[in-house]
Amino acid sequence: NGPPVLMKEPKIQFVDDGPGKPEGIDRFIGRRPIFA
């Protein structure tokens, strides 16, 4: 009886640490930083 919602599930999708940081930058920003 309700509107659409996004539910958080008990699963990890992405860990943005270590090698995950450049992967996350590429995936979500789409550009290599020039200043970090």
PDB file of all heavy atoms in Angstrom:
ATOM      1  N   ASN A   1       0.818  -1.217   0.000  1.00  0.00           N
ATOM      2  CA  ASN A   1       0.000   0.000   0.000  1.00  0.00           C
ATOM      3  C   ASN A   1       0.848   1.263   0.000  1.00  0.00           C
ATOM      4  O   ASN A   1       0.346   2.336   0.321  1.00  0.00           O
ATOM      5  CB  ASN A   1      -0.918   0.026   1.238  1.00  0.00           C
ATOM      6  CG  ASN A   1      -1.850  -1.157   1.263  1.00  0.00           C
ATOM      7  OD1 ASN A   1      -2.474  -1.474   0.261  1.00  0.00           O
ATOM      8  ND2 ASN A   1      -1.923  -1.821   2.404  1.00  0.00           N
ATOM      9  N   GLY A   2       2.099   1.142  -0.341  1.00  0.00           N
ATOM     10  CA  GLY A   2       2.964   2.298  -0.191  1.00  0.00           C
ATOM     11  C   GLY A   2       3.701   2.681  -1.450  1.00  0.00           C
ATOM     12  O   GLY A   2       3.612   1.998  -2.470  1.00  0.00           O
ATOM     13  N   PRO A   3       4.458   3.772  -1.364  1.00  0.00           N
ATOM     14  CA  PRO A   3       5.254   4.217  -2.510  1.00  0.00           C
ATOM     15  C   PRO A   3       6.510   3.358  -2.675  1.00  0.00           C
ATOM     16  O   PRO A   3       6.844   2.575  -1.783  1.00  0.00           O
ATOM     17  CB  PRO A   3       5.619   5.654  -2.128  1.00  0.00           C
ATOM     18  CG  PRO A   3       5.660   5.631  -0.634  1.00  0.00           C
ATOM     19  CD  PRO A   3       4.594   4.651  -0.213  1.00  0.00           C
ATOM     20  N   PRO A   4       7.218   3.521  -3.767  1.00  0.00           N
ATOM     21  CA  PRO A   4       8.469   2.780  -3.944  1.00  0.00           C
ATOM     22  C   PRO A   4       9.494   3.208  -2.901  1.00  0.00           C
ATOM     23  O   PRO A   4       9.541   4.369  -2.491  1.00  0.00           O
ATOM     24  CB  PRO A   4       8.938   3.186  -5.338  1.00  0.00           C
ATOM     25  CG  PRO A   4       7.804   3.889  -5.986  1.00  0.00           C
ATOM     26  CD  PRO A   4       6.900   4.348  -4.920  1.00  0.00           C
ATOM     27  N   VAL A   5      10.306   2.253  -2.469  1.00  0.00           N
ATOM     28  CA  VAL A   5      11.376   2.524  -1.501  1.00  0.00           C
ATOM     29  C   VAL A   5      12.631   1.786  -1.934  1.00  0.00           C
ATOM     30  O   VAL A   5      12.571   0.833  -2.720  1.00  0.00           O
ATOM     31  CB  VAL A   5      10.988   2.082  -0.062  1.00  0.00           C
ATOM     32  CG1 VAL A   5       9.837   2.912   0.483  1.00  0.00           C
ATOM     33  CG2 VAL A   5      10.667   0.591  -0.014  1.00  0.00           C
ATOM     34  N   LEU A   6      13.762   2.240  -1.430  1.00  0.00           N
ATOM     35  CA  LEU A   6      15.010   1.489  -1.549  1.00  0.00           C
ATOM     36  C   LEU A   6      15.283   0.853  -0.204  1.00  0.00           C
ATOM     37  O   LEU A   6      15.346   1.539   0.823  1.00  0.00           O
ATOM     38  CB  LEU A   6      16.172   2.408  -1.934  1.00  0.00           C
ATOM     39  CG  LEU A   6      16.215   2.863  -3.382  1.00  0.00           C
ATOM     40  CD1 LEU A   6      17.355   3.867  -3.590  1.00  0.00           C
ATOM     41  CD2 LEU A   6      16.402   1.674  -4.319  1.00  0.00           C
ATOM     42  N   MET A   7      15.445  -0.466  -0.196  1.00  0.00           N
ATOM     43  CA  MET A   7      15.703  -1.202   1.042  1.00  0.00           C
ATOM     44  C   MET A   7      17.191  -1.515   1.144  1.00  0.00           C
ATOM     45  O   MET A   7      17.807  -1.944   0.172  1.00  0.00           O
ATOM     46  CB  MET A   7      14.917  -2.515   1.050  1.00  0.00           C
ATOM     47  CG  MET A   7      13.410  -2.342   1.055  1.00  0.00           C
ATOM     48  SD  MET A   7      12.753  -1.504   2.512  1.00  0.00           S
ATOM     49  CE  MET A   7      13.172  -2.661   3.811  1.00  0.00           C
ATOM     50  N   LYS A   8      17.758  -1.276   2.335  1.00  0.00           N
ATOM     51  CA  LYS A   8      19.146  -1.670   2.595  1.00  0.00           C
ATOM     52  C   LYS A   8      19.148  -3.157   2.913  1.00  0.00           C
ATOM     53  O   LYS A   8      18.419  -3.602   3.772  1.00  0.00           O
ATOM     54  CB  LYS A   8      19.703  -0.883   3.782  1.00  0.00           C
ATOM     55  CG  LYS A   8      20.010   0.561   3.455  1.00  0.00           C
ATOM     56  CD  LYS A   8      20.558   1.314   4.653  1.00  0.00           C
ATOM     57  CE  LYS A   8      21.907   0.845   5.126  1.00  0.00           C
ATOM     58  NZ  LYS A   8      23.014   0.984   4.201  1.00  0.00           N
ATOM     59  N   GLU A   9      19.977  -3.888   2.206  1.00  0.00           N
ATOM     60  CA  GLU A   9      20.081  -5.325   2.437  1.00  0.00           C
ATOM     61  C   GLU A   9      21.343  -5.608   3.269  1.00  0.00           C
ATOM     62  O   GLU A   9      22.297  -4.826   3.239  1.00  0.00           O
ATOM     63  CB  GLU A   9      20.165  -6.053   1.096  1.00  0.00           C
ATOM     64  CG  GLU A   9      18.960  -5.746   0.220  1.00  0.00           C
ATOM     65  CD  GLU A   9      18.374  -6.982  -0.389  1.00  0.00           C
ATOM     66  OE1 GLU A   9      19.128  -7.897  -0.759  1.00  0.00           O
ATOM     67  OE2 GLU A   9      17.141  -7.023  -0.489  1.00  0.00           O
ATOM     68  N   PRO A  10      21.391  -6.716   3.983  1.00  0.00           N
ATOM     69  CA  PRO A  10      22.553  -7.022   4.814  1.00  0.00           C
ATOM     70  C   PRO A  10      23.702  -7.642   4.006  1.00  0.00           C
ATOM     71  O   PRO A  10      24.216  -8.713   4.331  1.00  0.00           O
ATOM     72  CB  PRO A  10      21.989  -8.006   5.847  1.00  0.00           C
ATOM     73  CG  PRO A  10      20.884  -8.701   5.120  1.00  0.00           C
ATOM     74  CD  PRO A  10      20.293  -7.672   4.184  1.00  0.00           C
ATOM     75  N   LYS A  11      24.082  -6.955   2.932  1.00  0.00           N
ATOM     76  CA  LYS A  11      25.158  -7.439   2.068  1.00  0.00           C
ATOM     77  C   LYS A  11      26.052  -6.262   1.700  1.00  0.00           C
ATOM     78  O   LYS A  11      25.571  -5.162   1.456  1.00  0.00           O
ATOM     79  CB  LYS A  11      24.607  -8.031   0.769  1.00  0.00           C
ATOM     80  CG  LYS A  11      23.681  -9.212   0.935  1.00  0.00           C
ATOM     81  CD  LYS A  11      23.107  -9.611  -0.415  1.00  0.00           C
ATOM     82  CE  LYS A  11      21.950 -10.580  -0.249  1.00  0.00           C
ATOM     83  NZ  LYS A  11      21.210 -10.769  -1.481  1.00  0.00           N
ATOM     84  N   ILE A  12      27.336  -6.523   1.599  1.00  0.00           N
ATOM     85  CA  ILE A  12      28.277  -5.490   1.184  1.00  0.00           C
ATOM     86  C   ILE A  12      28.353  -5.486  -0.335  1.00  0.00           C
ATOM     87  O   ILE A  12      28.514  -6.529  -0.965  1.00  0.00           O
ATOM     88  CB  ILE A  12      29.670  -5.742   1.790  1.00  0.00           C
ATOM     89  CG1 ILE A  12      29.603  -5.590   3.310  1.00  0.00           C
ATOM     90  CG2 ILE A  12      30.699  -4.781   1.205  1.00  0.00           C
ATOM     91  CD1 ILE A  12      30.858  -5.996   4.029  1.00  0.00           C
ATOM     92  N   GLN A  13      28.263  -4.287  -0.914  1.00  0.00           N
ATOM     93  CA  GLN A  13      28.387  -4.151  -2.358  1.00  0.00           C
ATOM     94  C   GLN A  13      29.796  -3.743  -2.754  1.00  0.00           C
ATOM     95  O   GLN A  13      30.347  -4.244  -3.712  1.00  0.00           O
ATOM     96  CB  GLN A  13      27.391  -3.108  -2.866  1.00  0.00           C
ATOM     97  CG  GLN A  13      27.454  -2.912  -4.377  1.00  0.00           C
ATOM     98  CD  GLN A  13      26.498  -1.833  -4.842  1.00  0.00           C
ATOM     99  OE1 GLN A  13      26.403  -0.772  -4.233  1.00  0.00           O
ATOM    100  NE2 GLN A  13      25.777  -2.117  -5.908  1.00  0.00           N
ATOM    101  N   PHE A  14      30.383  -2.820  -1.980  1.00  0.00           N
ATOM    102  CA  PHE A  14      31.653  -2.239  -2.396  1.00  0.00           C
ATOM    103  C   PHE A  14      32.408  -1.731  -1.175  1.00  0.00           C
ATOM    104  O   PHE A  14      31.845  -1.038  -0.329  1.00  0.00           O
ATOM    105  CB  PHE A  14      31.373  -1.085  -3.367  1.00  0.00           C
ATOM    106  CG  PHE A  14      32.606  -0.349  -3.812  1.00  0.00           C
ATOM    107  CD1 PHE A  14      33.515  -0.941  -4.665  1.00  0.00           C
ATOM    108  CD2 PHE A  14      32.855   0.942  -3.368  1.00  0.00           C
ATOM    109  CE1 PHE A  14      34.653  -0.273  -5.071  1.00  0.00           C
ATOM    110  CE2 PHE A  14      33.986   1.621  -3.769  1.00  0.00           C
ATOM    111  CZ  PHE A  14      34.881   1.013  -4.625  1.00  0.00           C
ATOM    112  N   VAL A  15      33.694  -2.070  -1.069  1.00  0.00           N
ATOM    113  CA  VAL A  15      34.549  -1.559   0.004  1.00  0.00           C
ATOM    114  C   VAL A  15      35.508  -0.550  -0.602  1.00  0.00           C
ATOM    115  O   VAL A  15      36.348  -0.897  -1.437  1.00  0.00           O
ATOM    116  CB  VAL A  15      35.316  -2.702   0.719  1.00  0.00           C
ATOM    117  CG1 VAL A  15      36.255  -2.128   1.769  1.00  0.00           C
ATOM    118  CG2 VAL A  15      34.339  -3.681   1.353  1.00  0.00           C
ATOM    119  N   ASP A  16      35.367   0.691  -0.185  1.00  0.00           N
ATOM    120  CA  ASP A  16      36.139   1.796  -0.743  1.00  0.00           C
ATOM    121  C   ASP A  16      37.369   2.060   0.127  1.00  0.00           C
ATOM    122  O   ASP A  16      37.469   3.091   0.795  1.00  0.00           O
ATOM    123  CB  ASP A  16      35.257   3.046  -0.834  1.00  0.00           C
ATOM    124  CG  ASP A  16      35.922   4.150  -1.631  1.00  0.00           C
ATOM    125  OD1 ASP A  16      36.395   3.859  -2.746  1.00  0.00           O
ATOM    126  OD2 ASP A  16      35.966   5.294  -1.145  1.00  0.00           O
ATOM    127  N   ASP A  17      38.289   1.120   0.123  1.00  0.00           N
ATOM    128  CA  ASP A  17      39.510   1.269   0.913  1.00  0.00           C
ATOM    129  C   ASP A  17      40.626   0.548   0.179  1.00  0.00           C
ATOM    130  O   ASP A  17      40.380  -0.414  -0.557  1.00  0.00           O
ATOM    131  CB  ASP A  17      39.313   0.672   2.309  1.00  0.00           C
ATOM    132  CG  ASP A  17      40.340   1.178   3.306  1.00  0.00           C
ATOM    133  OD1 ASP A  17      40.788   2.332   3.185  1.00  0.00           O
ATOM    134  OD2 ASP A  17      40.699   0.413   4.219  1.00  0.00           O
ATOM    135  N   GLY A  18      41.859   1.017   0.375  1.00  0.00           N
ATOM    136  CA  GLY A  18      42.996   0.395  -0.295  1.00  0.00           C
ATOM    137  C   GLY A  18      42.807   0.420  -1.801  1.00  0.00           C
ATOM    138  O   GLY A  18      42.479   1.458  -2.384  1.00  0.00           O
ATOM    139  N   PRO A  19      42.956  -0.722  -2.489  1.00  0.00           N
ATOM    140  CA  PRO A  19      42.783  -0.748  -3.941  1.00  0.00           C
ATOM    141  C   PRO A  19      41.358  -0.419  -4.373  1.00  0.00           C
ATOM    142  O   PRO A  19      41.123  -0.041  -5.516  1.00  0.00           O
ATOM    143  CB  PRO A  19      43.163  -2.177  -4.336  1.00  0.00           C
ATOM    144  CG  PRO A  19      43.237  -2.961  -3.086  1.00  0.00           C
ATOM    145  CD  PRO A  19      43.371  -2.013  -1.944  1.00  0.00           C
ATOM    146  N   GLY A  20      40.410  -0.497  -3.450  1.00  0.00           N
ATOM    147  CA  GLY A  20      39.035  -0.128  -3.775  1.00  0.00           C
ATOM    148  C   GLY A  20      38.864   1.362  -4.040  1.00  0.00           C
ATOM    149  O   GLY A  20      37.924   1.771  -4.724  1.00  0.00           O
ATOM    150  N   LYS A  21      39.774   2.193  -3.512  1.00  0.00           N
ATOM    151  CA  LYS A  21      39.617   3.642  -3.716  1.00  0.00           C
ATOM    152  C   LYS A  21      39.782   4.048  -5.181  1.00  0.00           C
ATOM    153  O   LYS A  21      38.911   4.743  -5.715  1.00  0.00           O
ATOM    154  CB  LYS A  21      40.551   4.425  -2.800  1.00  0.00           C
ATOM    155  CG  LYS A  21      40.039   4.415  -1.378  1.00  0.00           C
ATOM    156  CD  LYS A  21      40.632   5.505  -0.535  1.00  0.00           C
ATOM    157  CE  LYS A  21      39.979   5.454   0.837  1.00  0.00           C
ATOM    158  NZ  LYS A  21      40.390   6.554   1.685  1.00  0.00           N
ATOM    159  N   PRO A  22      40.864   3.656  -5.876  1.00  0.00           N
ATOM    160  CA  PRO A  22      40.909   4.023  -7.293  1.00  0.00           C
ATOM    161  C   PRO A  22      39.776   3.382  -8.092  1.00  0.00           C
ATOM    162  O   PRO A  22      39.253   3.985  -9.034  1.00  0.00           O
ATOM    163  CB  PRO A  22      42.283   3.555  -7.775  1.00  0.00           C
ATOM    164  CG  PRO A  22      42.914   2.819  -6.664  1.00  0.00           C
ATOM    165  CD  PRO A  22      42.104   3.035  -5.429  1.00  0.00           C
ATOM    166  N   GLU A  23      39.361   2.175  -7.711  1.00  0.00           N
ATOM    167  CA  GLU A  23      38.233   1.536  -8.387  1.00  0.00           C
ATOM    168  C   GLU A  23      36.958   2.352  -8.180  1.00  0.00           C
ATOM    169  O   GLU A  23      36.183   2.568  -9.116  1.00  0.00           O
ATOM    170  CB  GLU A  23      38.043   0.109  -7.861  1.00  0.00           C
ATOM    171  CG  GLU A  23      39.199  -0.819  -8.202  1.00  0.00           C
ATOM    172  CD  GLU A  23      39.176  -2.120  -7.414  1.00  0.00           C
ATOM    173  OE1 GLU A  23      38.173  -2.380  -6.698  1.00  0.00           O
ATOM    174  OE2 GLU A  23      40.156  -2.877  -7.496  1.00  0.00           O
ATOM    175  N   GLY A  24      36.739   2.819  -6.955  1.00  0.00           N
ATOM    176  CA  GLY A  24      35.570   3.643  -6.661  1.00  0.00           C
ATOM    177  C   GLY A  24      35.614   4.977  -7.377  1.00  0.00           C
ATOM    178  O   GLY A  24      34.593   5.460  -7.872  1.00  0.00           O
ATOM    179  N   ILE A  25      36.789   5.587  -7.435  1.00  0.00           N
ATOM    180  CA  ILE A  25      36.943   6.857  -8.145  1.00  0.00           C
ATOM    181  C   ILE A  25      36.574   6.662  -9.611  1.00  0.00           C
ATOM    182  O   ILE A  25      35.828   7.454 -10.190  1.00  0.00           O
ATOM    183  CB  ILE A  25      38.376   7.398  -7.989  1.00  0.00           C
ATOM    184  CG1 ILE A  25      38.613   7.866  -6.552  1.00  0.00           C
ATOM    185  CG2 ILE A  25      38.645   8.538  -8.971  1.00  0.00           C
ATOM    186  CD1 ILE A  25      40.076   8.132  -6.209  1.00  0.00           C
ATOM    187  N   ASP A  26      37.082   5.608 -10.214  1.00  0.00           N
ATOM    188  CA  ASP A  26      36.783   5.351 -11.621  1.00  0.00           C
ATOM    189  C   ASP A  26      35.292   5.067 -11.826  1.00  0.00           C
ATOM    190  O   ASP A  26      34.670   5.586 -12.734  1.00  0.00           O
ATOM    191  CB  ASP A  26      37.621   4.178 -12.130  1.00  0.00           C
ATOM    192  CG  ASP A  26      37.401   3.924 -13.609  1.00  0.00           C
ATOM    193  OD1 ASP A  26      37.716   4.811 -14.417  1.00  0.00           O
ATOM    194  OD2 ASP A  26      36.889   2.842 -13.946  1.00  0.00           O
ATOM    195  N   ARG A  27      34.720   4.261 -10.950  1.00  0.00           N
ATOM    196  CA  ARG A  27      33.322   3.852 -11.092  1.00  0.00           C
ATOM    197  C   ARG A  27      32.352   5.006 -10.858  1.00  0.00           C
ATOM    198  O   ARG A  27      31.391   5.179 -11.597  1.00  0.00           O
ATOM    199  CB  ARG A  27      33.008   2.733 -10.102  1.00  0.00           C
ATOM    200  CG  ARG A  27      31.560   2.259 -10.171  1.00  0.00           C
ATOM    201  CD  ARG A  27      31.233   1.225  -9.136  1.00  0.00           C
ATOM    202  NE  ARG A  27      32.059   0.044  -9.310  1.00  0.00           N
ATOM    203  CZ  ARG A  27      32.084  -0.971  -8.462  1.00  0.00           C
ATOM    204  NH1 ARG A  27      31.331  -0.951  -7.394  1.00  0.00           N
ATOM    205  NH2 ARG A  27      32.856  -2.015  -8.681  1.00  0.00           N
ATOM    206  N   PHE A  28      32.602   5.825  -9.825  1.00  0.00           N
ATOM    207  CA  PHE A  28      31.617   6.819  -9.421  1.00  0.00           C
ATOM    208  C   PHE A  28      31.934   8.240  -9.883  1.00  0.00           C
ATOM    209  O   PHE A  28      31.034   9.059 -10.014  1.00  0.00           O
ATOM    210  CB  PHE A  28      31.425   6.794  -7.904  1.00  0.00           C
ATOM    211  CG  PHE A  28      30.926   5.473  -7.412  1.00  0.00           C
ATOM    212  CD1 PHE A  28      31.764   4.612  -6.716  1.00  0.00           C
ATOM    213  CD2 PHE A  28      29.626   5.061  -7.673  1.00  0.00           C
ATOM    214  CE1 PHE A  28      31.307   3.381  -6.265  1.00  0.00           C
ATOM    215  CE2 PHE A  28      29.161   3.833  -7.229  1.00  0.00           C
ATOM    216  CZ  PHE A  28      30.005   2.985  -6.528  1.00  0.00           C
ATOM    217  N   ILE A  29      33.203   8.537 -10.107  1.00  0.00           N
ATOM    218  CA  ILE A  29      33.577   9.887 -10.549  1.00  0.00           C
ATOM    219  C   ILE A  29      33.925   9.877 -12.034  1.00  0.00           C
ATOM    220  O   ILE A  29      33.559  10.781 -12.771  1.00  0.00           O
ATOM    221  CB  ILE A  29      34.746  10.439  -9.708  1.00  0.00           C
ATOM    222  CG1 ILE A  29      34.348  10.511  -8.231  1.00  0.00           C
ATOM    223  CG2 ILE A  29      35.173  11.820 -10.225  1.00  0.00           C
ATOM    224  CD1 ILE A  29      35.497  10.852  -7.280  1.00  0.00           C
ATOM    225  N   GLY A  30      34.644   8.860 -12.473  1.00  0.00           N
ATOM    226  CA  GLY A  30      34.958   8.719 -13.889  1.00  0.00           C
ATOM    227  C   GLY A  30      36.142   9.530 -14.359  1.00  0.00           C
ATOM    228  O   GLY A  30      36.388   9.623 -15.562  1.00  0.00           O
ATOM    229  N   ARG A  31      36.902  10.086 -13.432  1.00  0.00           N
ATOM    230  CA  ARG A  31      38.104  10.850 -13.777  1.00  0.00           C
ATOM    231  C   ARG A  31      39.187  10.563 -12.752  1.00  0.00           C
ATOM    232  O   ARG A  31      38.906  10.430 -11.559  1.00  0.00           O
ATOM    233  CB  ARG A  31      37.840  12.361 -13.731  1.00  0.00           C
ATOM    234  CG  ARG A  31      36.949  12.861 -14.803  1.00  0.00           C
ATOM    235  CD  ARG A  31      36.864  14.361 -14.711  1.00  0.00           C
ATOM    236  NE  ARG A  31      35.990  14.849 -15.758  1.00  0.00           N
ATOM    237  CZ  ARG A  31      35.822  16.122 -16.017  1.00  0.00           C
ATOM    238  NH1 ARG A  31      36.463  17.026 -15.332  1.00  0.00           N
ATOM    239  NH2 ARG A  31      35.008  16.485 -16.981  1.00  0.00           N
ATOM    240  N   ARG A  32      40.404  10.520 -13.218  1.00  0.00           N
ATOM    241  CA  ARG A  32      41.531  10.360 -12.316  1.00  0.00           C
ATOM    242  C   ARG A  32      41.777  11.706 -11.616  1.00  0.00           C
ATOM    243  O   ARG A  32      41.784  12.748 -12.253  1.00  0.00           O
ATOM    244  CB  ARG A  32      42.776   9.963 -13.107  1.00  0.00           C
ATOM    245  CG  ARG A  32      43.964   9.587 -12.236  1.00  0.00           C
ATOM    246  CD  ARG A  32      45.234   9.431 -13.064  1.00  0.00           C
ATOM    247  NE  ARG A  32      45.067   8.530 -14.173  1.00  0.00           N
ATOM    248  CZ  ARG A  32      45.623   7.317 -14.266  1.00  0.00           C
ATOM    249  NH1 ARG A  32      46.379   6.876 -13.296  1.00  0.00           N
ATOM    250  NH2 ARG A  32      45.429   6.572 -15.325  1.00  0.00           N
ATOM    251  N   PRO A  33      41.982  11.702 -10.305  1.00  0.00           N
ATOM    252  CA  PRO A  33      42.241  12.972  -9.623  1.00  0.00           C
ATOM    253  C   PRO A  33      43.551  13.603 -10.095  1.00  0.00           C
ATOM    254  O   PRO A  33      44.471  12.906 -10.529  1.00  0.00           O
ATOM    255  CB  PRO A  33      42.364  12.582  -8.147  1.00  0.00           C
ATOM    256  CG  PRO A  33      41.824  11.202  -8.044  1.00  0.00           C
ATOM    257  CD  PRO A  33      41.972  10.570  -9.391  1.00  0.00           C
ATOM    258  N   ILE A  34      43.616  14.925  -9.991  1.00  0.00           N
ATOM    259  CA  ILE A  34      44.893  15.604 -10.204  1.00  0.00           C
ATOM    260  C   ILE A  34      45.472  16.081  -8.875  1.00  0.00           C
ATOM    261  O   ILE A  34      46.617  16.490  -8.802  1.00  0.00           O
ATOM    262  CB  ILE A  34      44.772  16.783 -11.196  1.00  0.00           C
ATOM    263  CG1 ILE A  34      43.783  17.820 -10.709  1.00  0.00           C
ATOM    264  CG2 ILE A  34      44.389  16.281 -12.574  1.00  0.00           C
ATOM    265  CD1 ILE A  34      43.787  19.085 -11.552  1.00  0.00           C
ATOM    266  N   PHE A  35      44.669  15.976  -7.828  1.00  0.00           N
ATOM    267  CA  PHE A  35      45.071  16.416  -6.490  1.00  0.00           C
ATOM    268  C   PHE A  35      44.411  15.462  -5.503  1.00  0.00           C
ATOM    269  O   PHE A  35      43.191  15.308  -5.521  1.00  0.00           O
ATOM    270  CB  PHE A  35      44.547  17.841  -6.272  1.00  0.00           C
ATOM    271  CG  PHE A  35      45.030  18.524  -5.018  1.00  0.00           C
ATOM    272  CD1 PHE A  35      45.854  19.621  -5.114  1.00  0.00           C
ATOM    273  CD2 PHE A  35      44.645  18.090  -3.765  1.00  0.00           C
ATOM    274  CE1 PHE A  35      46.289  20.287  -3.972  1.00  0.00           C
ATOM    275  CE2 PHE A  35      45.084  18.731  -2.620  1.00  0.00           C
ATOM    276  CZ  PHE A  35      45.910  19.841  -2.716  1.00  0.00           C
ATOM    277  N   ALA A  36      45.200  14.793  -4.678  1.00  0.00           N
ATOM    278  CA  ALA A  36      44.630  13.850  -3.714  1.00  0.00           C
ATOM    279  C   ALA A  36      45.389  13.925  -2.401  1.00  0.00           C
ATOM    280  O   ALA A  36      46.621  14.044  -2.386  1.00  0.00           O
ATOM    281  CB  ALA A  36      44.664  12.421  -4.259  1.00  0.00           C
TER     282      ALA A  36
END
